[in-house]
N, C-alpha and C. Protein backbone atom coordinates (compact mmCIF):
# COMPACT_ATOMS: atom_id res chain seq x y z
N MET A 1 16.53 -3.58 11.86
CA MET A 1 16.55 -2.67 12.71
C MET A 1 16.11 -1.08 12.18
N LEU A 2 15.83 -0.52 13.02
CA LEU A 2 15.08 0.52 12.52
C LEU A 2 16.16 1.96 12.81
N VAL A 3 17.00 2.66 12.02
CA VAL A 3 17.68 4.02 12.76
C VAL A 3 16.86 5.51 12.05
N THR A 4 16.73 5.96 13.24
CA THR A 4 16.20 7.08 12.78
C THR A 4 16.79 8.52 12.61
N PHE A 5 17.29 8.90 11.92
CA PHE A 5 17.95 10.44 11.70
C PHE A 5 16.93 11.72 11.69
N GLU A 6 17.53 12.49 12.83
CA GLU A 6 16.89 14.22 12.61
C GLU A 6 17.75 14.66 12.23
N VAL A 7 17.21 15.79 11.01
CA VAL A 7 17.98 16.56 10.38
C VAL A 7 17.75 17.94 10.59
N THR A 8 18.95 18.75 10.64
CA THR A 8 18.39 20.53 10.51
C THR A 8 19.27 20.93 9.86
N TYR A 9 18.98 21.89 9.50
CA TYR A 9 19.62 23.10 8.30
C TYR A 9 20.31 23.92 8.98
N ASP A 10 21.28 24.63 9.43
CA ASP A 10 21.93 25.83 9.81
C ASP A 10 23.00 26.25 8.91
N GLU A 11 23.13 27.54 8.40
CA GLU A 11 24.17 28.20 7.84
C GLU A 11 24.88 27.53 6.55
N GLY A 12 23.70 27.33 5.93
CA GLY A 12 24.48 26.67 4.34
C GLY A 12 24.62 25.09 4.58
N TRP A 13 24.62 24.29 5.71
CA TRP A 13 24.89 22.77 6.45
C TRP A 13 23.54 22.12 6.36
N TRP A 14 23.38 20.90 6.31
CA TRP A 14 22.46 19.68 6.81
C TRP A 14 23.35 18.96 7.50
N SER A 15 22.48 18.70 8.85
CA SER A 15 23.18 17.76 9.60
C SER A 15 21.81 16.81 10.05
N ALA A 16 22.87 15.84 10.46
CA ALA A 16 21.59 14.78 10.46
C ALA A 16 22.45 13.89 11.69
N SER A 17 21.59 13.49 12.83
CA SER A 17 22.34 12.52 14.09
C SER A 17 21.15 11.67 14.20
N ALA A 18 21.77 10.61 14.57
CA ALA A 18 20.59 9.48 15.14
C ALA A 18 21.41 8.57 16.18
N HIS A 19 20.53 8.57 17.17
CA HIS A 19 21.31 7.71 18.54
C HIS A 19 20.78 6.33 18.42
N ALA A 20 22.45 5.62 18.12
CA ALA A 20 22.10 4.41 17.57
C ALA A 20 22.73 3.30 19.33
N PRO A 21 22.57 2.22 19.16
CA PRO A 21 22.82 1.39 20.22
C PRO A 21 24.13 1.73 20.45
N GLU A 22 25.07 2.24 21.81
CA GLU A 22 26.24 2.15 22.17
C GLU A 22 26.62 3.68 21.56
N ASP A 23 26.23 4.07 20.59
CA ASP A 23 26.98 5.25 19.90
C ASP A 23 25.79 6.19 19.80
N ALA A 24 26.08 7.34 18.89
CA ALA A 24 25.49 8.34 18.41
C ALA A 24 26.15 8.57 16.73
N ILE A 25 25.47 8.25 16.18
CA ILE A 25 26.06 8.64 14.48
C ILE A 25 25.84 10.06 13.87
N TYR A 26 26.77 10.83 13.53
CA TYR A 26 26.73 12.29 13.00
C TYR A 26 26.91 12.26 11.41
N THR A 27 26.41 13.06 11.25
CA THR A 27 27.27 13.40 9.56
C THR A 27 26.65 14.67 8.96
N GLN A 28 27.24 15.49 7.84
CA GLN A 28 26.59 16.37 7.44
C GLN A 28 26.64 16.78 5.82
N GLY A 29 26.28 17.20 5.12
CA GLY A 29 26.69 17.66 3.85
C GLY A 29 25.91 19.34 3.41
N LYS A 30 26.44 19.68 2.31
CA LYS A 30 26.02 20.85 1.82
C LYS A 30 24.77 20.75 1.23
N SER A 31 24.33 19.63 0.65
CA SER A 31 23.16 19.85 -0.10
C SER A 31 22.75 18.61 0.52
N VAL A 32 21.27 18.46 0.31
CA VAL A 32 20.33 17.15 0.71
C VAL A 32 20.64 16.03 0.32
N GLY A 33 20.97 16.17 -1.24
CA GLY A 33 21.47 14.67 -1.65
C GLY A 33 23.04 14.19 -1.27
N GLU A 34 23.78 15.45 -0.74
CA GLU A 34 25.36 14.89 0.04
C GLU A 34 25.05 14.24 1.84
N LEU A 35 24.20 14.77 1.78
CA LEU A 35 23.74 14.25 3.34
C LEU A 35 23.13 12.97 3.14
N ILE A 36 22.37 12.63 2.54
CA ILE A 36 21.73 11.35 2.51
C ILE A 36 22.85 10.21 2.03
N ASP A 37 23.73 10.61 0.81
CA ASP A 37 24.79 9.89 0.61
C ASP A 37 26.07 9.74 1.67
N ASN A 38 26.16 10.67 2.70
CA ASN A 38 26.77 10.49 3.85
C ASN A 38 26.47 9.97 5.22
N ILE A 39 24.83 9.86 5.25
CA ILE A 39 24.15 9.14 6.27
C ILE A 39 24.08 7.92 6.00
N LEU A 40 24.31 7.08 4.38
CA LEU A 40 24.11 5.60 4.10
C LEU A 40 25.16 5.29 4.19
N GLU A 41 26.42 5.91 3.95
CA GLU A 41 28.12 5.37 4.14
C GLU A 41 28.16 5.55 5.82
N ALA A 42 27.80 6.53 6.65
CA ALA A 42 27.82 6.55 8.34
C ALA A 42 27.54 5.05 9.21
N ALA A 43 26.25 5.16 8.28
CA ALA A 43 25.20 3.94 8.82
C ALA A 43 25.82 2.53 8.56
N SER A 44 26.24 2.30 7.47
CA SER A 44 27.10 1.27 6.99
C SER A 44 28.17 1.34 7.60
N LEU A 45 29.12 1.90 7.77
CA LEU A 45 30.36 1.81 8.82
C LEU A 45 29.94 1.70 10.03
N HIS A 46 28.86 2.19 10.43
CA HIS A 46 28.41 2.11 12.13
C HIS A 46 28.00 0.87 12.28
N TYR A 47 27.35 0.04 11.19
CA TYR A 47 26.58 -1.27 11.74
C TYR A 47 27.29 -2.44 10.60
N THR A 48 28.41 -2.64 10.28
CA THR A 48 28.95 -3.46 9.63
C THR A 48 28.88 -4.65 9.49
N GLU A 49 29.33 -5.19 10.99
CA GLU A 49 29.01 -6.30 11.57
C GLU A 49 27.57 -6.84 11.15
N GLU A 50 26.66 -6.00 11.29
CA GLU A 50 25.48 -6.45 11.38
C GLU A 50 25.21 -6.75 9.73
N LEU A 51 25.47 -5.93 9.31
CA LEU A 51 25.03 -5.95 7.68
C LEU A 51 26.04 -7.29 7.00
N GLU A 52 26.96 -7.47 7.68
CA GLU A 52 27.92 -8.75 6.78
C GLU A 52 27.13 -10.09 7.93
N ALA A 53 26.47 -9.99 8.44
CA ALA A 53 25.41 -11.30 9.23
C ALA A 53 24.07 -11.40 8.72
N GLY A 54 23.85 -10.10 7.51
CA GLY A 54 22.63 -10.37 6.73
C GLY A 54 21.36 -9.69 7.34
N GLU A 55 22.07 -8.66 8.29
CA GLU A 55 20.77 -7.86 8.91
C GLU A 55 20.24 -6.69 8.01
N ARG A 56 19.10 -6.33 8.03
CA ARG A 56 18.62 -5.21 7.18
C ARG A 56 18.31 -4.25 8.13
N ILE A 57 18.90 -2.90 7.59
CA ILE A 57 18.86 -1.93 8.26
C ILE A 57 18.18 -0.66 7.51
N THR A 58 17.19 -0.47 8.18
CA THR A 58 16.51 0.52 7.89
C THR A 58 16.05 1.82 8.36
N ILE A 59 16.61 2.68 7.18
CA ILE A 59 17.16 4.23 7.80
C ILE A 59 16.23 5.43 7.62
N ILE A 60 15.59 5.60 8.43
CA ILE A 60 14.45 6.99 8.41
C ILE A 60 15.20 8.66 8.17
N THR A 61 15.20 9.23 7.59
CA THR A 61 15.71 10.55 7.68
C THR A 61 14.14 11.44 7.82
N ARG A 62 14.40 12.33 8.55
CA ARG A 62 13.54 13.39 8.86
C ARG A 62 13.56 14.83 9.02
N TYR A 63 13.06 15.63 8.23
CA TYR A 63 13.49 17.30 8.44
C TYR A 63 12.25 17.61 8.62
N ARG A 64 11.74 18.69 9.84
CA ARG A 64 10.69 19.18 9.75
C ARG A 64 10.97 20.65 10.34
N SER A 65 10.82 21.67 9.52
CA SER A 65 10.93 22.99 9.82
C SER A 65 10.10 23.87 10.33
N GLU A 66 10.56 24.76 11.29
CA GLU A 66 9.50 25.33 12.02
C GLU A 66 9.10 26.76 11.13
N ALA A 67 10.32 26.96 10.17
CA ALA A 67 9.80 28.44 9.34
C ALA A 67 8.69 28.20 8.67
N HIS A 68 8.09 29.08 8.02
CA HIS A 68 7.01 28.94 7.00
C HIS A 68 7.34 30.27 5.80
N GLU A 69 8.66 30.54 5.78
CA GLU A 69 8.66 31.30 4.62
C GLU A 69 8.23 30.86 3.02
N GLN A 70 7.68 31.42 2.47
CA GLN A 70 7.19 31.17 1.26
C GLN A 70 8.25 30.97 0.17
N GLU A 71 9.20 31.54 0.26
CA GLU A 71 10.13 31.97 -0.67
C GLU A 71 11.82 31.28 -0.35
N SER A 72 11.22 30.75 0.47
CA SER A 72 12.59 29.69 0.72
C SER A 72 12.79 28.74 -0.14
N PRO A 73 14.33 28.62 -0.76
CA PRO A 73 14.55 27.27 -1.40
C PRO A 73 14.69 26.16 -0.26
N ILE A 74 15.04 26.00 1.05
CA ILE A 74 14.80 24.68 1.78
C ILE A 74 13.39 24.40 1.99
N PRO A 75 13.10 22.82 1.80
CA PRO A 75 12.02 22.82 1.80
C PRO A 75 11.31 22.75 2.97
N ALA A 76 10.15 22.67 3.78
CA ALA A 76 9.59 22.97 5.01
C ALA A 76 9.76 21.60 5.51
N ASN A 77 9.55 20.23 4.87
CA ASN A 77 9.09 18.96 5.66
C ASN A 77 9.90 18.02 4.53
N PHE A 78 10.79 17.03 4.97
CA PHE A 78 10.83 15.82 4.16
C PHE A 78 11.19 14.62 4.97
N GLU A 79 10.71 13.50 4.43
CA GLU A 79 11.28 12.67 4.62
C GLU A 79 11.93 11.16 3.55
N TYR A 80 12.90 10.52 4.09
CA TYR A 80 13.36 9.68 3.00
C TYR A 80 14.08 8.31 3.98
N LYS A 81 13.29 7.30 2.82
CA LYS A 81 13.49 6.00 3.81
C LYS A 81 14.44 5.20 2.96
N VAL A 82 15.01 4.24 3.24
CA VAL A 82 15.89 3.43 2.45
C VAL A 82 16.36 2.16 3.49
N ASP A 83 16.27 0.88 2.75
CA ASP A 83 17.30 0.09 3.38
C ASP A 83 18.31 -0.66 2.72
N ILE A 84 18.91 -0.68 3.81
CA ILE A 84 20.66 -1.15 4.06
C ILE A 84 20.20 -2.64 3.79
N VAL A 85 20.63 -3.76 3.09
CA VAL A 85 20.57 -4.96 3.29
C VAL A 85 21.80 -5.99 3.01
N ALA A 86 23.28 -5.47 2.45
CA ALA A 86 24.20 -5.66 2.72
C ALA A 86 25.11 -4.82 2.54
N ALA A 87 26.13 -5.02 3.13
CA ALA A 87 27.53 -4.34 3.00
C ALA A 87 28.34 -5.10 1.67
N THR A 88 29.05 -3.61 1.50
CA THR A 88 29.96 -4.08 0.12
C THR A 88 31.38 -4.20 0.29
N PRO A 89 31.89 -5.26 0.15
CA PRO A 89 33.43 -6.10 0.50
C PRO A 89 34.18 -4.87 -0.14
N GLY A 90 35.43 -4.36 0.73
CA GLY A 90 36.38 -3.55 0.22
C GLY A 90 35.99 -2.14 0.11
N CYS A 91 35.09 -1.56 1.18
CA CYS A 91 35.06 -0.21 0.93
C CYS A 91 35.08 0.66 2.33
């Protein structure tokens, strides 16, 4: 299963949302690293049954900025892809 998260940045927070079957998944973080961790956790929780059944969940996270400021510490674009193949029991 493929799940695509669209990422936005506003007022110091990174936010990501994906429209999943029967629900939307939404999470945020103060840094890109924290956001990615939260995306993985949210997707793992949302798809617990599928993961326990052995289904592979491929997550693609995309950020595209319309701003073209050279001095900005915020990256203009990035894409991150990861596969989740098993749920961790007890989490």
